[in-house]
Amino acid sequence: LAMEETYSIREFVEKAFAKINITIEWQG
């Protein structure tokens, strides 16, 4: 059983913060 789509932890973080109108910028 699967959704047949894959996302990174990085993308999960970005989508979660977008819910409170914060855009994450990565450095390093």
PDB file of all heavy atoms in Angstrom:
ATOM      1  N   LEU A   1       0.859  -1.184   0.000  1.00  0.00           N
ATOM      2  CA  LEU A   1       0.000   0.000   0.000  1.00  0.00           C
ATOM      3  C   LEU A   1       0.894   1.233   0.000  1.00  0.00           C
ATOM      4  O   LEU A   1       1.773   1.365   0.854  1.00  0.00           O
ATOM      5  CB  LEU A   1      -0.913   0.035   1.230  1.00  0.00           C
ATOM      6  CG  LEU A   1      -1.941  -1.088   1.372  1.00  0.00           C
ATOM      7  CD1 LEU A   1      -2.861  -0.805   2.559  1.00  0.00           C
ATOM      8  CD2 LEU A   1      -2.752  -1.285   0.109  1.00  0.00           C
ATOM      9  N   ALA A   2       0.673   2.117  -0.971  1.00  0.00           N
ATOM     10  CA  ALA A   2       1.520   3.304  -1.102  1.00  0.00           C
ATOM     11  C   ALA A   2       0.782   4.380  -1.874  1.00  0.00           C
ATOM     12  O   ALA A   2      -0.205   4.117  -2.560  1.00  0.00           O
ATOM     13  CB  ALA A   2       2.820   2.942  -1.833  1.00  0.00           C
ATOM     14  N   MET A   3       1.281   5.608  -1.761  1.00  0.00           N
ATOM     15  CA  MET A   3       0.709   6.727  -2.509  1.00  0.00           C
ATOM     16  C   MET A   3       1.345   6.880  -3.885  1.00  0.00           C
ATOM     17  O   MET A   3       0.859   7.595  -4.740  1.00  0.00           O
ATOM     18  CB  MET A   3       0.884   8.036  -1.722  1.00  0.00           C
ATOM     19  CG  MET A   3       0.080   8.092  -0.426  1.00  0.00           C
ATOM     20  SD  MET A   3      -1.684   7.926  -0.681  1.00  0.00           S
ATOM     21  CE  MET A   3      -2.023   9.434  -1.577  1.00  0.00           C
ATOM     22  N   GLU A   4       2.506   6.206  -4.078  1.00  0.00           N
ATOM     23  CA  GLU A   4       3.242   6.238  -5.346  1.00  0.00           C
ATOM     24  C   GLU A   4       3.813   7.628  -5.659  1.00  0.00           C
ATOM     25  O   GLU A   4       3.986   7.999  -6.819  1.00  0.00           O
ATOM     26  CB  GLU A   4       2.368   5.715  -6.499  1.00  0.00           C
ATOM     27  CG  GLU A   4       1.863   4.295  -6.237  1.00  0.00           C
ATOM     28  CD  GLU A   4       1.063   3.693  -7.382  1.00  0.00           C
ATOM     29  OE1 GLU A   4       0.632   4.459  -8.270  1.00  0.00           O
ATOM     30  OE2 GLU A   4       0.876   2.461  -7.377  1.00  0.00           O
ATOM     31  N   GLU A   5       4.102   8.387  -4.611  1.00  0.00           N
ATOM     32  CA  GLU A   5       4.802   9.673  -4.728  1.00  0.00           C
ATOM     33  C   GLU A   5       5.849   9.729  -3.624  1.00  0.00           C
ATOM     34  O   GLU A   5       5.623   9.217  -2.532  1.00  0.00           O
ATOM     35  CB  GLU A   5       3.844  10.851  -4.553  1.00  0.00           C
ATOM     36  CG  GLU A   5       2.765  10.962  -5.608  1.00  0.00           C
ATOM     37  CD  GLU A   5       1.846  12.142  -5.350  1.00  0.00           C
ATOM     38  OE1 GLU A   5       2.260  13.069  -4.626  1.00  0.00           O
ATOM     39  OE2 GLU A   5       0.715  12.130  -5.862  1.00  0.00           O
ATOM     40  N   THR A   6       6.975  10.358  -3.897  1.00  0.00           N
ATOM     41  CA  THR A   6       8.005  10.446  -2.865  1.00  0.00           C
ATOM     42  C   THR A   6       8.471  11.880  -2.673  1.00  0.00           C
ATOM     43  O   THR A   6       8.550  12.656  -3.629  1.00  0.00           O
ATOM     44  CB  THR A   6       9.205   9.527  -3.208  1.00  0.00           C
ATOM     45  OG1 THR A   6      10.083   9.449  -2.084  1.00  0.00           O
ATOM     46  CG2 THR A   6       9.978  10.017  -4.421  1.00  0.00           C
ATOM     47  N   TYR A   7       8.719  12.232  -1.398  1.00  0.00           N
ATOM     48  CA  TYR A   7       9.179  13.573  -1.039  1.00  0.00           C
ATOM     49  C   TYR A   7      10.299  13.451  -0.011  1.00  0.00           C
ATOM     50  O   TYR A   7      10.320  12.511   0.784  1.00  0.00           O
ATOM     51  CB  TYR A   7       8.039  14.404  -0.433  1.00  0.00           C
ATOM     52  CG  TYR A   7       6.899  14.659  -1.387  1.00  0.00           C
ATOM     53  CD1 TYR A   7       5.803  13.810  -1.427  1.00  0.00           C
ATOM     54  CD2 TYR A   7       6.920  15.750  -2.256  1.00  0.00           C
ATOM     55  CE1 TYR A   7       4.748  14.023  -2.302  1.00  0.00           C
ATOM     56  CE2 TYR A   7       5.877  15.984  -3.133  1.00  0.00           C
ATOM     57  CZ  TYR A   7       4.790  15.115  -3.154  1.00  0.00           C
ATOM     58  OH  TYR A   7       3.761  15.345  -4.030  1.00  0.00           O
ATOM     59  N   SER A   8      11.206  14.416  -0.025  1.00  0.00           N
ATOM     60  CA  SER A   8      12.300  14.410   0.943  1.00  0.00           C
ATOM     61  C   SER A   8      11.851  15.047   2.254  1.00  0.00           C
ATOM     62  O   SER A   8      10.847  15.780   2.304  1.00  0.00           O
ATOM     63  CB  SER A   8      13.512  15.175   0.391  1.00  0.00           C
ATOM     64  OG  SER A   8      13.192  16.559   0.260  1.00  0.00           O
ATOM     65  N   ILE A   9      12.620  14.772   3.324  1.00  0.00           N
ATOM     66  CA  ILE A   9      12.381  15.444   4.608  1.00  0.00           C
ATOM     67  C   ILE A   9      12.467  16.955   4.413  1.00  0.00           C
ATOM     68  O   ILE A   9      11.675  17.724   4.965  1.00  0.00           O
ATOM     69  CB  ILE A   9      13.429  15.007   5.656  1.00  0.00           C
ATOM     70  CG1 ILE A   9      13.414  13.489   5.858  1.00  0.00           C
ATOM     71  CG2 ILE A   9      13.204  15.732   6.977  1.00  0.00           C
ATOM     72  CD1 ILE A   9      12.198  12.940   6.529  1.00  0.00           C
ATOM     73  N   ARG A  10      13.398  17.381   3.580  1.00  0.00           N
ATOM     74  CA  ARG A  10      13.574  18.806   3.275  1.00  0.00           C
ATOM     75  C   ARG A  10      12.268  19.399   2.714  1.00  0.00           C
ATOM     76  O   ARG A  10      11.826  20.471   3.137  1.00  0.00           O
ATOM     77  CB  ARG A  10      14.705  18.955   2.260  1.00  0.00           C
ATOM     78  CG  ARG A  10      15.093  20.379   1.924  1.00  0.00           C
ATOM     79  CD  ARG A  10      16.067  20.380   0.751  1.00  0.00           C
ATOM     80  NE  ARG A  10      17.226  19.534   1.003  1.00  0.00           N
ATOM     81  CZ  ARG A  10      18.293  19.913   1.694  1.00  0.00           C
ATOM     82  NH1 ARG A  10      18.355  21.139   2.185  1.00  0.00           N
ATOM     83  NH2 ARG A  10      19.304  19.094   1.887  1.00  0.00           N
ATOM     84  N   GLU A  11      11.650  18.688   1.762  1.00  0.00           N
ATOM     85  CA  GLU A  11      10.393  19.164   1.178  1.00  0.00           C
ATOM     86  C   GLU A  11       9.260  19.165   2.209  1.00  0.00           C
ATOM     87  O   GLU A  11       8.409  20.054   2.207  1.00  0.00           O
ATOM     88  CB  GLU A  11      10.012  18.293  -0.018  1.00  0.00           C
ATOM     89  CG  GLU A  11      10.911  18.490  -1.234  1.00  0.00           C
ATOM     90  CD  GLU A  11      10.615  17.488  -2.330  1.00  0.00           C
ATOM     91  OE1 GLU A  11      10.875  16.289  -2.137  1.00  0.00           O
ATOM     92  OE2 GLU A  11      10.106  17.909  -3.385  1.00  0.00           O
ATOM     93  N   PHE A  12       9.253  18.152   3.071  1.00  0.00           N
ATOM     94  CA  PHE A  12       8.228  18.099   4.122  1.00  0.00           C
ATOM     95  C   PHE A  12       8.336  19.334   5.028  1.00  0.00           C
ATOM     96  O   PHE A  12       7.336  19.961   5.377  1.00  0.00           O
ATOM     97  CB  PHE A  12       8.400  16.812   4.949  1.00  0.00           C
ATOM     98  CG  PHE A  12       7.215  16.485   5.821  1.00  0.00           C
ATOM     99  CD1 PHE A  12       6.344  15.460   5.472  1.00  0.00           C
ATOM    100  CD2 PHE A  12       6.963  17.190   6.989  1.00  0.00           C
ATOM    101  CE1 PHE A  12       5.249  15.152   6.281  1.00  0.00           C
ATOM    102  CE2 PHE A  12       5.873  16.893   7.784  1.00  0.00           C
ATOM    103  CZ  PHE A  12       5.017  15.873   7.432  1.00  0.00           C
ATOM    104  N   VAL A  13       9.574  19.675   5.398  1.00  0.00           N
ATOM    105  CA  VAL A  13       9.824  20.867   6.231  1.00  0.00           C
ATOM    106  C   VAL A  13       9.314  22.118   5.520  1.00  0.00           C
ATOM    107  O   VAL A  13       8.608  22.955   6.114  1.00  0.00           O
ATOM    108  CB  VAL A  13      11.333  21.005   6.535  1.00  0.00           C
ATOM    109  CG1 VAL A  13      11.642  22.376   7.143  1.00  0.00           C
ATOM    110  CG2 VAL A  13      11.790  19.894   7.481  1.00  0.00           C
ATOM    111  N   GLU A  14       9.649  22.249   4.250  1.00  0.00           N
ATOM    112  CA  GLU A  14       9.248  23.441   3.485  1.00  0.00           C
ATOM    113  C   GLU A  14       7.728  23.564   3.402  1.00  0.00           C
ATOM    114  O   GLU A  14       7.171  24.660   3.574  1.00  0.00           O
ATOM    115  CB  GLU A  14       9.859  23.385   2.084  1.00  0.00           C
ATOM    116  CG  GLU A  14      11.370  23.540   2.075  1.00  0.00           C
ATOM    117  CD  GLU A  14      12.006  23.212   0.730  1.00  0.00           C
ATOM    118  OE1 GLU A  14      11.285  22.731  -0.170  1.00  0.00           O
ATOM    119  OE2 GLU A  14      13.225  23.435   0.586  1.00  0.00           O
ATOM    120  N   LYS A  15       7.051  22.450   3.140  1.00  0.00           N
ATOM    121  CA  LYS A  15       5.593  22.480   3.023  1.00  0.00           C
ATOM    122  C   LYS A  15       4.936  22.795   4.377  1.00  0.00           C
ATOM    123  O   LYS A  15       3.925  23.500   4.434  1.00  0.00           O
ATOM    124  CB  LYS A  15       5.082  21.137   2.481  1.00  0.00           C
ATOM    125  CG  LYS A  15       5.386  20.919   1.011  1.00  0.00           C
ATOM    126  CD  LYS A  15       4.930  19.535   0.553  1.00  0.00           C
ATOM    127  CE  LYS A  15       5.268  19.311  -0.918  1.00  0.00           C
ATOM    128  NZ  LYS A  15       4.432  20.147  -1.814  1.00  0.00           N
ATOM    129  N   ALA A  16       5.511  22.259   5.457  1.00  0.00           N
ATOM    130  CA  ALA A  16       4.939  22.504   6.782  1.00  0.00           C
ATOM    131  C   ALA A  16       5.067  23.983   7.164  1.00  0.00           C
ATOM    132  O   ALA A  16       4.107  24.599   7.642  1.00  0.00           O
ATOM    133  CB  ALA A  16       5.634  21.620   7.822  1.00  0.00           C
ATOM    134  N   PHE A  17       6.246  24.573   6.927  1.00  0.00           N
ATOM    135  CA  PHE A  17       6.446  25.986   7.264  1.00  0.00           C
ATOM    136  C   PHE A  17       5.625  26.902   6.354  1.00  0.00           C
ATOM    137  O   PHE A  17       5.199  27.975   6.772  1.00  0.00           O
ATOM    138  CB  PHE A  17       7.925  26.347   7.202  1.00  0.00           C
ATOM    139  CG  PHE A  17       8.656  26.082   8.476  1.00  0.00           C
ATOM    140  CD1 PHE A  17       9.408  24.916   8.631  1.00  0.00           C
ATOM    141  CD2 PHE A  17       8.591  26.972   9.541  1.00  0.00           C
ATOM    142  CE1 PHE A  17      10.084  24.661   9.817  1.00  0.00           C
ATOM    143  CE2 PHE A  17       9.253  26.723  10.737  1.00  0.00           C
ATOM    144  CZ  PHE A  17      10.001  25.555  10.872  1.00  0.00           C
ATOM    145  N   ALA A  18       5.382  26.463   5.121  1.00  0.00           N
ATOM    146  CA  ALA A  18       4.566  27.269   4.209  1.00  0.00           C
ATOM    147  C   ALA A  18       3.155  27.456   4.743  1.00  0.00           C
ATOM    148  O   ALA A  18       2.497  28.467   4.452  1.00  0.00           O
ATOM    149  CB  ALA A  18       4.525  26.606   2.832  1.00  0.00           C
ATOM    150  N   LYS A  19       2.690  26.500   5.574  1.00  0.00           N
ATOM    151  CA  LYS A  19       1.357  26.606   6.169  1.00  0.00           C
ATOM    152  C   LYS A  19       1.238  27.803   7.108  1.00  0.00           C
ATOM    153  O   LYS A  19       0.141  28.286   7.387  1.00  0.00           O
ATOM    154  CB  LYS A  19       1.019  25.322   6.935  1.00  0.00           C
ATOM    155  CG  LYS A  19       0.787  24.112   6.055  1.00  0.00           C
ATOM    156  CD  LYS A  19      -0.511  24.237   5.299  1.00  0.00           C
ATOM    157  CE  LYS A  19      -0.793  22.990   4.471  1.00  0.00           C
ATOM    158  NZ  LYS A  19      -2.041  23.116   3.689  1.00  0.00           N
ATOM    159  N   ILE A  20       2.366  28.278   7.642  1.00  0.00           N
ATOM    160  CA  ILE A  20       2.332  29.478   8.503  1.00  0.00           C
ATOM    161  C   ILE A  20       3.072  30.638   7.821  1.00  0.00           C
ATOM    162  O   ILE A  20       3.598  31.531   8.481  1.00  0.00           O
ATOM    163  CB  ILE A  20       2.892  29.193   9.911  1.00  0.00           C
ATOM    164  CG1 ILE A  20       4.351  28.730   9.860  1.00  0.00           C
ATOM    165  CG2 ILE A  20       2.051  28.156  10.643  1.00  0.00           C
ATOM    166  CD1 ILE A  20       5.031  28.709  11.228  1.00  0.00           C
ATOM    167  N   ASN A  21       3.111  30.557   6.490  1.00  0.00           N
ATOM    168  CA  ASN A  21       3.657  31.646   5.661  1.00  0.00           C
ATOM    169  C   ASN A  21       5.124  31.946   5.939  1.00  0.00           C
ATOM    170  O   ASN A  21       5.557  33.099   5.920  1.00  0.00           O
ATOM    171  CB  ASN A  21       2.810  32.919   5.851  1.00  0.00           C
ATOM    172  CG  ASN A  21       1.369  32.709   5.430  1.00  0.00           C
ATOM    173  OD1 ASN A  21       1.099  32.131   4.382  1.00  0.00           O
ATOM    174  ND2 ASN A  21       0.442  33.153   6.277  1.00  0.00           N
ATOM    175  N   ILE A  22       5.889  30.895   6.216  1.00  0.00           N
ATOM    176  CA  ILE A  22       7.343  31.035   6.358  1.00  0.00           C
ATOM    177  C   ILE A  22       8.007  30.264   5.221  1.00  0.00           C
ATOM    178  O   ILE A  22       7.738  29.075   5.027  1.00  0.00           O
ATOM    179  CB  ILE A  22       7.841  30.520   7.719  1.00  0.00           C
ATOM    180  CG1 ILE A  22       7.365  31.433   8.852  1.00  0.00           C
ATOM    181  CG2 ILE A  22       9.375  30.420   7.735  1.00  0.00           C
ATOM    182  CD1 ILE A  22       7.789  30.976  10.232  1.00  0.00           C
ATOM    183  N   THR A  23       8.864  30.951   4.477  1.00  0.00           N
ATOM    184  CA  THR A  23       9.651  30.303   3.433  1.00  0.00           C
ATOM    185  C   THR A  23      11.026  29.968   4.001  1.00  0.00           C
ATOM    186  O   THR A  23      11.700  30.835   4.561  1.00  0.00           O
ATOM    187  CB  THR A  23       9.816  31.220   2.207  1.00  0.00           C
ATOM    188  OG1 THR A  23       8.512  31.535   1.695  1.00  0.00           O
ATOM    189  CG2 THR A  23      10.639  30.548   1.121  1.00  0.00           C
ATOM    190  N   ILE A  24      11.404  28.694   3.892  1.00  0.00           N
ATOM    191  CA  ILE A  24      12.689  28.257   4.437  1.00  0.00           C
ATOM    192  C   ILE A  24      13.782  28.442   3.397  1.00  0.00           C
ATOM    193  O   ILE A  24      13.650  28.023   2.236  1.00  0.00           O
ATOM    194  CB  ILE A  24      12.626  26.789   4.893  1.00  0.00           C
ATOM    195  CG1 ILE A  24      11.640  26.622   6.047  1.00  0.00           C
ATOM    196  CG2 ILE A  24      14.009  26.287   5.301  1.00  0.00           C
ATOM    197  CD1 ILE A  24      12.009  27.382   7.306  1.00  0.00           C
ATOM    198  N   GLU A  25      14.868  29.084   3.817  1.00  0.00           N
ATOM    199  CA  GLU A  25      16.049  29.280   2.973  1.00  0.00           C
ATOM    200  C   GLU A  25      17.177  28.426   3.536  1.00  0.00           C
ATOM    201  O   GLU A  25      17.480  28.493   4.729  1.00  0.00           O
ATOM    202  CB  GLU A  25      16.438  30.760   2.995  1.00  0.00           C
ATOM    203  CG  GLU A  25      17.701  31.110   2.259  1.00  0.00           C
ATOM    204  CD  GLU A  25      18.085  32.569   2.475  1.00  0.00           C
ATOM    205  OE1 GLU A  25      17.189  33.429   2.477  1.00  0.00           O
ATOM    206  OE2 GLU A  25      19.291  32.835   2.667  1.00  0.00           O
ATOM    207  N   TRP A  26      17.781  27.593   2.694  1.00  0.00           N
ATOM    208  CA  TRP A  26      18.818  26.671   3.159  1.00  0.00           C
ATOM    209  C   TRP A  26      20.206  27.236   2.900  1.00  0.00           C
ATOM    210  O   TRP A  26      20.473  27.783   1.841  1.00  0.00           O
ATOM    211  CB  TRP A  26      18.674  25.321   2.455  1.00  0.00           C
ATOM    212  CG  TRP A  26      17.332  24.675   2.678  1.00  0.00           C
ATOM    213  CD1 TRP A  26      16.278  24.661   1.811  1.00  0.00           C
ATOM    214  CD2 TRP A  26      16.907  23.957   3.842  1.00  0.00           C
ATOM    215  NE1 TRP A  26      15.225  23.979   2.365  1.00  0.00           N
ATOM    216  CE2 TRP A  26      15.574  23.530   3.605  1.00  0.00           C
ATOM    217  CE3 TRP A  26      17.517  23.629   5.062  1.00  0.00           C
ATOM    218  CZ2 TRP A  26      14.848  22.805   4.536  1.00  0.00           C
ATOM    219  CZ3 TRP A  26      16.785  22.901   5.989  1.00  0.00           C
ATOM    220  CH2 TRP A  26      15.474  22.498   5.735  1.00  0.00           C
ATOM    221  N   GLN A  27      21.086  27.083   3.886  1.00  0.00           N
ATOM    222  CA  GLN A  27      22.478  27.511   3.756  1.00  0.00           C
ATOM    223  C   GLN A  27      23.392  26.437   4.326  1.00  0.00           C
ATOM    224  O   GLN A  27      23.036  25.736   5.271  1.00  0.00           O
ATOM    225  CB  GLN A  27      22.714  28.836   4.498  1.00  0.00           C
ATOM    226  CG  GLN A  27      22.003  30.033   3.888  1.00  0.00           C
ATOM    227  CD  GLN A  27      22.336  31.326   4.624  1.00  0.00           C
ATOM    228  OE1 GLN A  27      23.122  31.336   5.571  1.00  0.00           O
ATOM    229  NE2 GLN A  27      21.731  32.422   4.184  1.00  0.00           N
ATOM    230  N   GLY A  28      24.597  26.337   3.757  1.00  0.00           N
ATOM    231  CA  GLY A  28      25.562  25.357   4.243  1.00  0.00           C
ATOM    232  C   GLY A  28      25.357  23.993   3.604  1.00  0.00           C
ATOM    233  O   GLY A  28      24.462  23.800   2.783  1.00  0.00           O
TER     234      GLY A  28
END
